[in-house]
Every structure is written in C-alpha cells, then in structure tokens.
C-alpha cells in the first residue's frame, strides 16, 4: 500500500472505527469522478447484500457480501485498503449517474485526487 495517501487512509479508518456514514467525499480514480458518502465496510456489504437478495437473477450473490464474512478475515486489524461509497454518483458532465446514487468500492491506492464533500447539480 506504498502508493496510498496516508491522510485518505486515516479518513477511511475513522469511518470504520466510528461506524459512521456521514463523511462526504469526492475522489478521482481511473479518470472518473465519484462523489458520495463513505460507509463502514460492514454496513456497505450488508446494504449490497440486501439489494442483491431482492433480485431474482442476482440473489445467489447476496451471501458473498454478507458482513459476517468479514469478521474472520486476517486483515481486520490492518488499515483500510478501500473506500466504500453509498448514495454515490459518477459525475458525467452536468449530471450524476445514477441519479438516485449507487454503491461503489474504490481502492485507496487508485485514488489520484480527492476532496471532502460531495457535489450535486441542479437544473437551474
């Protein structure tokens, strides 16, 4: 994780430690701009699992994301390696995709720029 921004790792660690989902963040990764709120990994996994479980086609994948599966992982004591966004959008021109917000997981080492806060657009 030598290329990861240590300050961004610290922000992610605080979100994990506090189990908070109120930290708004905007990142640039792979040429895309993603804006939204960070969630602890366990909360993010649970929400993705719920969404998948409600799908006829994708329901079998829900168990992969179950938060219980993360407790026995050996890296739990290590600093976070990923950001977990919810209510997030990929900014494309003057609009965000999807409009309602989505769930994104971004490797911290792949973030080339970031700022606190999220961006929203209006039609006016």
N, C-alpha and C. Protein backbone atom coordinates (compact mmCIF):
# COMPACT_ATOMS: atom_id res chain seq x y z
N UNK A 1 0.83 -1.19 0.00
CA UNK A 1 0.00 0.00 0.00
C UNK A 1 0.87 1.25 0.00
N UNK A 2 2.06 1.16 -0.58
CA UNK A 2 3.01 2.26 -0.54
C UNK A 2 2.53 3.49 -1.31
N UNK A 3 1.61 3.33 -2.26
CA UNK A 3 1.13 4.46 -3.04
C UNK A 3 -0.12 5.10 -2.46
N UNK A 4 -0.66 4.55 -1.41
CA UNK A 4 -1.90 5.08 -0.84
C UNK A 4 -1.64 6.37 -0.07
N UNK A 5 -2.55 7.30 -0.20
CA UNK A 5 -2.50 8.57 0.51
C UNK A 5 -2.80 8.29 1.99
N UNK A 6 -1.83 8.55 2.85
CA UNK A 6 -1.98 8.23 4.28
C UNK A 6 -3.12 9.02 4.92
N UNK A 7 -3.33 10.24 4.50
CA UNK A 7 -4.43 11.04 5.05
C UNK A 7 -5.77 10.43 4.67
N UNK A 8 -5.89 9.96 3.44
CA UNK A 8 -7.12 9.31 3.00
C UNK A 8 -7.33 7.99 3.74
N UNK A 9 -6.25 7.27 4.00
CA UNK A 9 -6.34 6.04 4.80
C UNK A 9 -6.85 6.38 6.20
N UNK A 10 -6.37 7.48 6.78
CA UNK A 10 -6.82 7.90 8.11
C UNK A 10 -8.32 8.25 8.11
N UNK A 11 -8.78 8.91 7.04
CA UNK A 11 -10.21 9.24 6.93
C UNK A 11 -11.02 7.94 6.88
N UNK A 12 -10.59 7.00 6.05
CA UNK A 12 -11.29 5.72 5.93
C UNK A 12 -11.29 4.97 7.26
N UNK A 13 -10.17 5.02 7.97
CA UNK A 13 -10.07 4.33 9.27
C UNK A 13 -11.04 4.95 10.28
N UNK A 14 -11.21 6.27 10.25
CA UNK A 14 -12.16 6.91 11.16
C UNK A 14 -13.59 6.49 10.85
N UNK A 15 -13.91 6.39 9.57
CA UNK A 15 -15.26 5.94 9.18
C UNK A 15 -15.47 4.52 9.70
N UNK A 16 -14.47 3.66 9.53
CA UNK A 16 -14.57 2.28 10.02
C UNK A 16 -14.71 2.24 11.54
N UNK A 17 -13.91 3.00 12.25
CA UNK A 17 -13.90 2.97 13.72
C UNK A 17 -15.18 3.52 14.32
N UNK A 18 -15.70 4.58 13.74
CA UNK A 18 -16.88 5.24 14.29
C UNK A 18 -18.16 4.62 13.77
N UNK A 19 -18.07 3.76 12.76
CA UNK A 19 -19.25 3.17 12.13
C UNK A 19 -20.20 4.28 11.67
N UNK A 20 -19.62 5.33 11.10
CA UNK A 20 -20.39 6.49 10.65
C UNK A 20 -20.59 6.42 9.14
N UNK A 21 -21.70 6.97 8.67
CA UNK A 21 -21.94 7.04 7.24
C UNK A 21 -22.23 8.48 6.81
N UNK A 22 -21.64 9.44 7.52
CA UNK A 22 -21.94 10.84 7.25
C UNK A 22 -20.79 11.58 6.58
N UNK A 23 -19.65 10.92 6.34
CA UNK A 23 -18.50 11.59 5.74
C UNK A 23 -18.67 11.66 4.23
N UNK A 24 -18.86 12.86 3.71
CA UNK A 24 -18.99 13.06 2.27
C UNK A 24 -17.61 13.24 1.67
N UNK A 25 -17.40 12.61 0.51
CA UNK A 25 -16.09 12.63 -0.13
C UNK A 25 -16.27 12.58 -1.63
N UNK A 26 -15.36 13.21 -2.35
CA UNK A 26 -15.31 13.14 -3.80
C UNK A 26 -13.90 12.71 -4.17
N UNK A 27 -13.80 11.66 -5.02
CA UNK A 27 -12.49 11.15 -5.42
C UNK A 27 -12.39 11.10 -6.94
N UNK A 28 -11.15 11.15 -7.41
CA UNK A 28 -10.85 10.91 -8.82
C UNK A 28 -10.10 9.59 -8.86
N UNK A 29 -10.60 8.66 -9.65
CA UNK A 29 -9.97 7.35 -9.79
C UNK A 29 -10.17 6.84 -11.20
N UNK A 30 -9.10 6.47 -11.85
CA UNK A 30 -9.19 5.95 -13.21
C UNK A 30 -9.87 6.91 -14.17
N UNK A 31 -9.73 8.20 -13.95
CA UNK A 31 -10.35 9.20 -14.81
C UNK A 31 -11.80 9.51 -14.48
N UNK A 32 -12.40 8.77 -13.55
CA UNK A 32 -13.78 9.02 -13.15
C UNK A 32 -13.80 9.83 -11.87
N UNK A 33 -14.82 10.66 -11.74
CA UNK A 33 -15.04 11.41 -10.51
C UNK A 33 -16.25 10.78 -9.82
N UNK A 34 -16.03 10.30 -8.59
CA UNK A 34 -17.09 9.67 -7.81
C UNK A 34 -17.32 10.53 -6.58
N UNK A 35 -18.57 10.84 -6.32
CA UNK A 35 -18.92 11.68 -5.18
C UNK A 35 -20.04 11.02 -4.38
N UNK A 36 -19.94 11.09 -3.08
CA UNK A 36 -20.97 10.48 -2.23
C UNK A 36 -20.53 10.43 -0.79
N UNK A 37 -21.15 9.54 -0.03
CA UNK A 37 -20.82 9.39 1.39
C UNK A 37 -20.13 8.06 1.62
N UNK A 38 -19.17 8.09 2.52
CA UNK A 38 -18.47 6.87 2.89
C UNK A 38 -19.28 6.10 3.92
N UNK A 39 -19.17 4.80 3.86
CA UNK A 39 -19.81 3.93 4.84
C UNK A 39 -18.77 2.94 5.34
N UNK A 40 -18.91 2.45 6.57
CA UNK A 40 -18.03 1.37 7.03
C UNK A 40 -18.23 0.16 6.12
N UNK A 41 -17.18 -0.61 5.92
CA UNK A 41 -17.26 -1.75 5.02
C UNK A 41 -18.39 -2.71 5.38
N UNK A 42 -18.55 -3.02 6.66
CA UNK A 42 -19.59 -3.97 7.07
C UNK A 42 -20.99 -3.45 6.71
N UNK A 43 -21.22 -2.16 6.90
CA UNK A 43 -22.51 -1.56 6.58
C UNK A 43 -22.72 -1.60 5.07
N UNK A 44 -21.68 -1.25 4.31
CA UNK A 44 -21.75 -1.26 2.85
C UNK A 44 -22.06 -2.66 2.33
N UNK A 45 -21.34 -3.67 2.86
CA UNK A 45 -21.56 -5.05 2.43
C UNK A 45 -22.99 -5.50 2.72
N UNK A 46 -23.50 -5.14 3.89
CA UNK A 46 -24.86 -5.53 4.26
C UNK A 46 -25.87 -4.93 3.30
N UNK A 47 -25.69 -3.66 2.97
CA UNK A 47 -26.63 -2.98 2.06
C UNK A 47 -26.57 -3.60 0.66
N UNK A 48 -25.37 -3.88 0.15
CA UNK A 48 -25.25 -4.51 -1.16
C UNK A 48 -25.91 -5.88 -1.12
N UNK A 49 -25.70 -6.63 -0.05
CA UNK A 49 -26.31 -7.94 0.10
C UNK A 49 -27.84 -7.84 0.05
N UNK A 50 -28.40 -6.84 0.71
CA UNK A 50 -29.85 -6.65 0.71
C UNK A 50 -30.37 -6.35 -0.70
N UNK A 51 -29.65 -5.52 -1.42
CA UNK A 51 -30.05 -5.17 -2.78
C UNK A 51 -30.02 -6.41 -3.67
N UNK A 52 -28.96 -7.19 -3.56
CA UNK A 52 -28.83 -8.39 -4.38
C UNK A 52 -29.89 -9.43 -4.02
N UNK A 53 -30.15 -9.58 -2.74
CA UNK A 53 -31.12 -10.56 -2.28
C UNK A 53 -32.51 -10.30 -2.86
N UNK A 54 -32.83 -9.03 -3.12
CA UNK A 54 -34.13 -8.67 -3.67
C UNK A 54 -34.24 -8.91 -5.17
N UNK A 55 -33.14 -9.31 -5.81
CA UNK A 55 -33.12 -9.54 -7.25
C UNK A 55 -33.30 -11.02 -7.57
N UNK A 56 -34.17 -11.32 -8.52
CA UNK A 56 -34.37 -12.71 -8.94
C UNK A 56 -33.10 -13.30 -9.55
N UNK A 57 -32.42 -12.54 -10.37
CA UNK A 57 -31.23 -13.03 -11.07
C UNK A 57 -29.97 -12.99 -10.22
N UNK A 58 -29.85 -11.99 -9.35
CA UNK A 58 -28.60 -11.77 -8.62
C UNK A 58 -28.65 -12.24 -7.17
N UNK A 59 -29.78 -12.72 -6.73
CA UNK A 59 -29.96 -13.18 -5.35
C UNK A 59 -28.88 -14.13 -4.86
N UNK A 60 -28.44 -15.10 -5.68
CA UNK A 60 -27.42 -16.04 -5.21
C UNK A 60 -26.09 -15.38 -4.80
N UNK A 61 -25.83 -14.17 -5.29
CA UNK A 61 -24.58 -13.48 -4.95
C UNK A 61 -24.65 -12.75 -3.61
N UNK A 62 -25.83 -12.62 -3.03
CA UNK A 62 -26.01 -11.84 -1.80
C UNK A 62 -25.11 -12.32 -0.68
N UNK A 63 -24.93 -13.63 -0.54
CA UNK A 63 -24.13 -14.17 0.54
C UNK A 63 -22.67 -13.77 0.49
N UNK A 64 -22.15 -13.49 -0.69
CA UNK A 64 -20.75 -13.07 -0.83
C UNK A 64 -20.50 -11.76 -0.08
N UNK A 65 -21.51 -10.92 -0.01
CA UNK A 65 -21.36 -9.60 0.59
C UNK A 65 -21.77 -9.53 2.05
N UNK A 66 -22.25 -10.61 2.61
CA UNK A 66 -22.73 -10.59 3.98
C UNK A 66 -21.62 -10.13 4.93
N UNK A 67 -21.96 -9.19 5.78
CA UNK A 67 -20.97 -8.60 6.70
C UNK A 67 -20.34 -9.64 7.61
N UNK A 68 -21.06 -10.70 7.95
CA UNK A 68 -20.50 -11.72 8.84
C UNK A 68 -19.24 -12.35 8.26
N UNK A 69 -19.15 -12.38 6.95
CA UNK A 69 -17.99 -12.98 6.29
C UNK A 69 -16.71 -12.18 6.45
N UNK A 70 -16.80 -10.92 6.89
CA UNK A 70 -15.60 -10.09 7.02
C UNK A 70 -14.95 -10.21 8.39
N UNK A 71 -15.62 -10.74 9.37
CA UNK A 71 -15.08 -10.76 10.74
C UNK A 71 -13.86 -11.66 10.89
N UNK A 72 -13.82 -12.76 10.14
CA UNK A 72 -12.72 -13.71 10.29
C UNK A 72 -11.56 -13.46 9.35
N UNK A 73 -11.63 -12.39 8.57
CA UNK A 73 -10.54 -12.10 7.65
C UNK A 73 -9.32 -11.65 8.43
N UNK A 74 -8.12 -12.12 8.04
CA UNK A 74 -6.91 -11.79 8.79
C UNK A 74 -6.52 -10.31 8.75
N UNK A 75 -7.00 -9.56 7.77
CA UNK A 75 -6.58 -8.16 7.65
C UNK A 75 -7.45 -7.19 8.43
N UNK A 76 -8.32 -7.65 9.29
CA UNK A 76 -9.23 -6.77 10.03
C UNK A 76 -8.48 -5.75 10.88
N UNK A 77 -7.29 -6.08 11.38
CA UNK A 77 -6.54 -5.14 12.20
C UNK A 77 -5.69 -4.18 11.38
N UNK A 78 -5.64 -4.37 10.10
CA UNK A 78 -4.84 -3.53 9.21
C UNK A 78 -5.61 -2.27 8.80
N UNK A 79 -4.88 -1.25 8.34
CA UNK A 79 -5.57 -0.05 7.85
C UNK A 79 -6.46 -0.39 6.65
N UNK A 80 -7.53 0.37 6.45
CA UNK A 80 -8.41 0.11 5.31
C UNK A 80 -7.66 0.25 3.98
N UNK A 81 -8.04 -0.57 3.01
CA UNK A 81 -7.45 -0.50 1.68
C UNK A 81 -8.44 0.02 0.65
N UNK A 82 -9.72 0.11 1.04
CA UNK A 82 -10.77 0.54 0.12
C UNK A 82 -11.69 1.56 0.77
N UNK A 83 -12.27 2.39 -0.07
CA UNK A 83 -13.33 3.30 0.33
C UNK A 83 -14.64 2.67 -0.09
N UNK A 84 -15.65 2.77 0.74
CA UNK A 84 -16.96 2.19 0.45
C UNK A 84 -17.98 3.32 0.41
N UNK A 85 -18.43 3.64 -0.81
CA UNK A 85 -19.37 4.73 -1.02
C UNK A 85 -20.80 4.22 -1.09
N UNK A 86 -21.70 4.95 -0.50
CA UNK A 86 -23.13 4.72 -0.71
C UNK A 86 -23.73 6.07 -1.06
N UNK A 87 -24.92 6.06 -1.64
CA UNK A 87 -25.55 7.28 -2.13
C UNK A 87 -24.54 8.05 -2.98
N UNK A 88 -23.83 7.32 -3.83
CA UNK A 88 -22.75 7.90 -4.62
C UNK A 88 -23.12 7.98 -6.10
N UNK A 89 -22.48 8.92 -6.77
CA UNK A 89 -22.70 9.10 -8.20
C UNK A 89 -21.37 9.27 -8.90
N UNK A 90 -21.32 8.79 -10.13
CA UNK A 90 -20.19 9.09 -11.01
C UNK A 90 -20.57 10.36 -11.74
N UNK A 91 -19.74 11.38 -11.64
CA UNK A 91 -20.07 12.65 -12.29
C UNK A 91 -19.73 12.58 -13.77
N UNK A 92 -20.71 12.90 -14.57
CA UNK A 92 -20.56 12.87 -16.03
C UNK A 92 -21.13 14.18 -16.56
N UNK A 93 -20.28 15.10 -16.94
CA UNK A 93 -20.76 16.40 -17.39
C UNK A 93 -21.51 17.10 -16.28
N UNK A 94 -22.74 17.48 -16.55
CA UNK A 94 -23.53 18.20 -15.56
C UNK A 94 -24.51 17.30 -14.82
N UNK A 95 -24.28 15.99 -14.87
CA UNK A 95 -25.18 15.09 -14.16
C UNK A 95 -24.41 13.99 -13.44
N UNK A 96 -25.08 13.39 -12.47
CA UNK A 96 -24.51 12.28 -11.73
C UNK A 96 -25.23 10.99 -12.10
N UNK A 97 -24.46 9.92 -12.25
CA UNK A 97 -25.02 8.62 -12.64
C UNK A 97 -24.74 7.63 -11.53
N UNK A 98 -25.70 6.89 -11.03
CA UNK A 98 -27.14 7.02 -11.27
C UNK A 98 -27.70 8.19 -10.47
N UNK A 99 -28.81 8.71 -10.90
CA UNK A 99 -29.41 9.87 -10.24
C UNK A 99 -29.72 9.60 -8.77
N UNK A 100 -30.13 8.38 -8.46
CA UNK A 100 -30.50 8.04 -7.09
C UNK A 100 -29.31 7.67 -6.23
N UNK A 101 -28.15 7.53 -6.81
CA UNK A 101 -26.97 7.15 -6.06
C UNK A 101 -26.76 5.65 -6.09
N UNK A 102 -25.52 5.25 -6.02
CA UNK A 102 -25.18 3.84 -6.08
C UNK A 102 -24.19 3.46 -5.01
N UNK A 103 -23.76 2.21 -5.06
CA UNK A 103 -22.81 1.66 -4.10
C UNK A 103 -21.50 1.40 -4.84
N UNK A 104 -20.42 2.04 -4.42
CA UNK A 104 -19.14 1.87 -5.09
C UNK A 104 -18.06 1.53 -4.09
N UNK A 105 -17.13 0.67 -4.51
CA UNK A 105 -15.95 0.31 -3.71
C UNK A 105 -14.74 0.72 -4.53
N UNK A 106 -13.87 1.54 -3.93
CA UNK A 106 -12.72 2.10 -4.63
C UNK A 106 -11.46 1.79 -3.84
N UNK A 107 -10.45 1.25 -4.50
CA UNK A 107 -9.17 1.01 -3.84
C UNK A 107 -8.51 2.36 -3.54
N UNK A 108 -8.11 2.55 -2.30
CA UNK A 108 -7.49 3.82 -1.91
C UNK A 108 -6.23 4.09 -2.73
N UNK A 109 -5.46 3.05 -3.04
CA UNK A 109 -4.22 3.25 -3.80
C UNK A 109 -4.48 3.74 -5.22
N UNK A 110 -5.72 3.58 -5.71
CA UNK A 110 -6.07 4.01 -7.06
C UNK A 110 -6.63 5.43 -7.11
N UNK A 111 -6.77 6.07 -5.96
CA UNK A 111 -7.31 7.44 -5.92
C UNK A 111 -6.18 8.41 -6.26
N UNK A 112 -6.39 9.22 -7.31
CA UNK A 112 -5.37 10.18 -7.71
C UNK A 112 -5.64 11.58 -7.18
N UNK A 113 -6.84 11.82 -6.71
CA UNK A 113 -7.18 13.11 -6.12
C UNK A 113 -8.48 12.99 -5.34
N UNK A 114 -8.66 13.85 -4.34
CA UNK A 114 -9.87 13.79 -3.53
C UNK A 114 -10.10 15.10 -2.82
N UNK A 115 -11.34 15.29 -2.40
CA UNK A 115 -11.70 16.44 -1.59
C UNK A 115 -12.85 16.05 -0.67
N UNK A 116 -12.92 16.72 0.46
CA UNK A 116 -14.01 16.48 1.40
C UNK A 116 -15.26 17.15 0.83
N UNK A 117 -16.37 16.48 0.96
CA UNK A 117 -17.65 17.00 0.47
C UNK A 117 -18.07 16.28 -0.80
N UNK A 118 -19.34 16.43 -1.13
CA UNK A 118 -19.82 15.84 -2.37
C UNK A 118 -20.41 16.93 -3.24
N UNK A 119 -20.54 16.63 -4.51
CA UNK A 119 -21.06 17.59 -5.46
C UNK A 119 -22.46 17.18 -5.88
N UNK A 120 -23.32 18.14 -5.99
CA UNK A 120 -24.65 17.86 -6.52
C UNK A 120 -24.98 18.95 -7.53
N UNK A 121 -25.79 18.59 -8.48
CA UNK A 121 -26.15 19.51 -9.54
C UNK A 121 -27.62 19.84 -9.46
N UNK A 122 -27.97 21.00 -9.99
CA UNK A 122 -29.39 21.35 -10.11
C UNK A 122 -29.65 21.79 -11.54
N UNK A 123 -30.89 21.77 -11.94
CA UNK A 123 -31.26 22.15 -13.31
C UNK A 123 -31.29 23.65 -13.51
N UNK A 124 -31.19 24.41 -12.46
CA UNK A 124 -31.31 25.87 -12.60
C UNK A 124 -30.02 26.53 -13.02
